[in-house]
Each structure stands twice: as C-alpha cells, then as structure tokens.
Amino acid sequence: VLGNVTNTSTHTSSSTDGGLILIGTQNQTLSGVGGVYGNITMNNSSGASLVNNATINGRLTFTNGSIYIDDYQLTFGQGATIGGTPSKTSMIILNGALSDQGVRKLFPSGPSAEFTMPIGVSGKYTPAAYTISSATTPGSITVRPVNRRHPAVVVPAENELAYYWKVDSTGLEGVTISHTYQ
C-alpha cells in the first residue's frame, strides 16, 4: 500500500507472510471505526499513524518505520504476534500521557503465553514483555508508557526515572505472570 488505509471491516491474511505492506514515502494513516487487521508489515521510514481504535489479529512486522497511535487503543488479538526487529526507530509510539488508551493484548486461557509489546514514546523505546502461565480464564493486559515521574514520588531523587508504565488487566484468573519492562 502506497497511500492511506481506511478499514471499517475485517481484513484477514492467509499466512504470516501475506497481508498489508505499508511502503509509502510519506506518513500513512490507518483509519476506520472498528477496523480489524490480519498481517501488517511496516516498511515506511516516514511511519504510519492510527486515527481510530484498531485490532490486529495477525502479525505486525517492523521492517522500517514506526506506528504512532496517538491516544487511541491498538489491540492485539489472542493469536497476534510481532515480527521484524522493533527498535527506537521501529515501534508503536504513544503520546506518553496517562490519558492514552494504550496497547492491549488479549491472552487465551491455557498453560502458557508470551508477548512483548514493542512500545515507547518519541525517541524512547521501552518495551513491555509478559509471560503468562496457568491462566484458567482468558483476559487482557493494557499498557500505557507515561513519559513523566510517577505522581507518588514526593521528593524526586537524581536517579529517579522520569518515566513509568501504567498497566491494567481484565480476566486472567488463576494466573502466574512474569513482567519485564525495559
């Protein structure tokens, strides 16, 4: 795709290699209320911008460029995966505000599941990784990177991070989980 994409339906991909490849030379927009995507390959150094909430049920591959989601929510379905090499120049970029809707991952019930959210704010790649085992019910985890000191810090020290992750979850009963934030 060289231009913008408007999706108000469900896009499906037949394999992990097929799907939409964003290869424009200017920032591309992904719009459309209720848009569900299969596979998307990000290969545009100018990036892409999400202008509505969206869901990816396939594979999001980072080859070149980032996706800016503004204050919208990007949801990854239970079978969704991340490919390519996410980095400071190829990631999902949020505003860094507590009011952002964030990136959400749906997890199935079952013995184990792993997912790394390739997220950050402009100039800061700060992925959040989750390993879930023993979930007796499905659920979700939503993450918002916040690019400021945590409000509970009364007297900021010189080595205090001016950055934190706001994390919410639903479902996931009977769960054992490991979180890693970078």
Protein backbone atom coordinates (compact mmCIF):
# COMPACT_ATOMS: atom_id res chain seq x y z
CA VAL A 1 0.00 0.00 0.00
CA LEU A 2 1.44 3.36 -1.05
CA GLY A 3 -1.32 5.54 0.41
CA ASN A 4 -3.67 5.64 3.37
CA VAL A 5 -5.83 2.72 4.54
CA THR A 6 -9.46 3.03 5.65
CA ASN A 7 -10.79 -0.17 7.19
CA THR A 8 -14.27 -0.43 8.73
CA SER A 9 -14.44 -4.20 8.38
CA THR A 10 -12.25 -7.25 8.96
CA HIS A 11 -9.07 -7.73 6.93
CA THR A 12 -7.67 -11.26 7.06
CA SER A 13 -4.35 -12.67 5.92
CA SER A 14 -3.81 -16.19 4.67
CA SER A 15 -0.32 -16.64 6.10
CA THR A 16 2.33 -14.93 8.22
CA ASP A 17 3.95 -13.58 5.02
CA GLY A 18 0.84 -12.09 3.37
CA GLY A 19 -1.15 -9.02 4.32
CA LEU A 20 -0.81 -5.26 4.04
CA ILE A 21 2.66 -3.85 3.48
CA LEU A 22 2.88 -0.13 4.20
CA ILE A 23 5.54 1.18 1.79
CA GLY A 24 4.59 4.81 1.17
CA THR A 25 7.11 7.64 1.14
CA GLN A 26 5.06 9.94 3.39
CA ASN A 27 3.33 9.20 6.71
CA GLN A 28 0.39 6.88 6.03
CA THR A 29 -2.83 6.79 8.06
CA LEU A 30 -4.74 3.74 9.24
CA SER A 31 -8.34 4.81 9.84
CA GLY A 32 -11.82 3.38 10.07
CA VAL A 33 -14.06 2.73 13.06
CA GLY A 34 -13.93 -0.91 14.12
CA GLY A 35 -11.07 -1.83 11.78
CA VAL A 36 -9.64 -5.30 12.31
CA TYR A 37 -6.42 -6.24 10.50
CA GLY A 38 -4.69 -9.50 9.68
CA ASN A 39 -0.97 -9.09 8.96
CA ILE A 40 0.65 -5.66 8.61
CA THR A 41 4.25 -5.03 7.62
CA MET A 42 5.58 -1.59 8.49
CA ASN A 43 8.12 -0.65 5.80
CA ASN A 44 7.85 3.15 5.55
CA SER A 45 10.62 5.23 7.12
CA SER A 46 8.11 8.12 7.38
CA GLY A 47 5.88 5.94 9.56
CA ALA A 48 2.15 5.46 9.87
CA SER A 49 -0.48 6.99 12.16
CA LEU A 50 -3.50 5.28 13.67
CA VAL A 51 -6.53 7.61 13.73
CA ASN A 52 -9.11 5.25 15.29
CA ASN A 53 -9.01 2.31 17.68
CA ALA A 54 -7.92 -0.82 15.80
CA THR A 55 -7.22 -4.52 16.29
CA ILE A 56 -4.51 -6.71 14.77
CA ASN A 57 -5.25 -10.43 14.78
CA GLY A 58 -2.27 -11.46 12.65
CA ARG A 59 1.39 -10.45 12.67
CA LEU A 60 2.72 -6.88 12.94
CA THR A 61 6.19 -6.87 11.37
CA PHE A 62 8.61 -3.99 11.78
CA THR A 63 10.95 -3.65 8.81
CA ASN A 64 11.31 0.14 8.70
CA GLY A 65 9.41 2.92 10.50
CA SER A 66 7.06 3.25 13.47
CA ILE A 67 3.32 3.37 14.01
CA TYR A 68 2.09 6.36 16.02
CA ILE A 69 -1.21 5.54 17.76
CA ASP A 70 -1.80 8.98 19.34
CA ASP A 71 -4.30 8.49 22.19
CA TYR A 72 -6.14 5.59 20.52
CA GLN A 73 -6.06 1.93 21.54
CA LEU A 74 -4.29 -0.72 19.48
CA THR A 75 -5.44 -4.22 20.44
CA PHE A 76 -3.59 -7.42 19.61
CA GLY A 77 -5.85 -10.49 19.37
CA GLN A 78 -5.10 -13.79 21.13
CA GLY A 79 -3.13 -15.17 18.17
CA ALA A 80 -1.40 -11.92 17.21
CA THR A 81 2.41 -11.81 17.03
CA ILE A 82 5.20 -9.29 16.48
CA GLY A 83 7.87 -9.78 13.81
CA GLY A 84 10.89 -7.99 12.47
CA THR A 85 13.22 -6.01 14.68
CA PRO A 86 11.45 -3.44 16.85
CA SER A 87 13.72 -0.60 17.99
CA LYS A 88 13.79 3.11 18.77
CA THR A 89 13.05 3.76 15.09
CA SER A 90 10.60 0.87 14.51
CA MET A 91 7.99 0.59 17.26
CA ILE A 92 4.50 1.54 18.40
CA ILE A 93 4.67 5.16 19.57
CA LEU A 94 2.25 6.55 22.15
CA ASN A 95 1.89 10.13 23.44
CA GLY A 96 3.34 9.23 26.83
CA ALA A 97 0.28 10.57 28.67
CA LEU A 98 -1.69 8.76 31.36
CA SER A 99 -4.86 9.52 29.37
CA ASP A 100 -3.71 7.43 26.36
CA GLN A 101 -5.84 4.31 25.74
CA GLY A 102 -2.67 2.25 25.25
CA VAL A 103 -1.74 -1.06 23.70
CA ARG A 104 -3.80 -4.08 24.75
CA LYS A 105 -3.04 -7.77 24.28
CA LEU A 106 -5.72 -10.45 24.58
CA PHE A 107 -4.46 -13.67 26.17
CA PRO A 108 -6.15 -17.08 25.98
CA SER A 109 -6.65 -19.41 28.91
CA GLY A 110 -4.24 -22.28 28.97
CA PRO A 111 -0.80 -23.35 30.06
CA SER A 112 1.40 -20.51 28.72
CA ALA A 113 1.59 -17.41 26.52
CA GLU A 114 4.30 -14.82 25.84
CA PHE A 115 4.08 -11.40 24.23
CA THR A 116 6.36 -8.37 24.01
CA MET A 117 4.71 -5.04 23.31
CA PRO A 118 7.17 -3.01 21.20
CA ILE A 119 6.12 0.34 22.66
CA GLY A 120 7.57 3.67 23.61
CA VAL A 121 7.32 7.41 23.15
CA SER A 122 9.14 9.57 20.64
CA GLY A 123 12.86 8.82 20.99
CA LYS A 124 12.43 6.22 23.78
CA TYR A 125 11.93 2.52 23.04
CA THR A 126 10.58 0.95 26.24
CA PRO A 127 9.06 -2.48 25.50
CA ALA A 128 6.91 -4.38 27.99
CA ALA A 129 7.13 -8.20 27.96
CA TYR A 130 4.72 -10.66 29.56
CA THR A 131 4.99 -14.39 30.17
CA ILE A 132 1.76 -15.92 31.42
CA SER A 133 1.35 -19.44 32.69
CA SER A 134 -1.52 -21.26 34.33
CA ALA A 135 -4.31 -18.86 33.27
CA THR A 136 -7.66 -20.54 33.95
CA THR A 137 -9.63 -17.80 32.15
CA PRO A 138 -8.80 -15.59 29.16
CA GLY A 139 -8.17 -11.90 29.66
CA SER A 140 -6.14 -8.90 28.61
CA ILE A 141 -3.30 -6.61 29.64
CA THR A 142 -3.25 -2.93 28.63
CA VAL A 143 -0.06 -0.86 28.87
CA ARG A 144 0.48 2.88 28.62
CA PRO A 145 4.02 4.28 28.84
CA VAL A 146 3.91 7.55 30.78
CA ASN A 147 6.75 9.95 29.98
CA ARG A 148 7.00 11.72 33.38
CA ARG A 149 7.75 10.98 37.02
CA HIS A 150 5.24 8.83 38.87
CA PRO A 151 2.86 11.05 40.91
CA ALA A 152 3.63 9.06 44.09
CA VAL A 153 7.22 10.34 44.06
CA VAL A 154 7.16 13.11 46.67
CA VAL A 155 10.82 14.12 46.62
CA PRO A 156 12.37 13.13 43.29
CA ALA A 157 15.91 11.85 43.61
CA GLU A 158 18.50 12.48 40.93
CA ASN A 159 18.36 8.84 39.89
CA GLU A 160 14.55 8.59 39.86
CA LEU A 161 13.10 7.55 36.50
CA ALA A 162 11.06 10.27 34.82
CA TYR A 163 9.05 7.51 33.13
CA TYR A 164 6.71 4.68 34.14
CA TRP A 165 4.22 2.16 32.71
CA LYS A 166 0.52 2.22 33.64
CA VAL A 167 -0.69 -1.38 33.44
CA ASP A 168 -4.27 -2.69 33.71
CA SER A 169 -5.62 -6.19 33.30
CA THR A 170 -9.00 -7.90 32.97
CA GLY A 171 -9.84 -11.59 33.41
CA LEU A 172 -6.77 -13.85 33.67
CA GLU A 173 -7.87 -15.71 36.78
CA GLY A 174 -5.62 -18.36 38.29
CA VAL A 175 -2.66 -16.75 36.56
CA THR A 176 1.07 -16.79 37.13
CA ILE A 177 2.72 -13.92 35.28
CA SER A 178 6.18 -12.50 34.78
CA HIS A 179 6.52 -8.82 33.75
CA THR A 180 9.64 -7.23 32.24
CA TYR A 181 9.88 -3.51 31.47
CA GLN A 182 12.86 -2.05 29.67
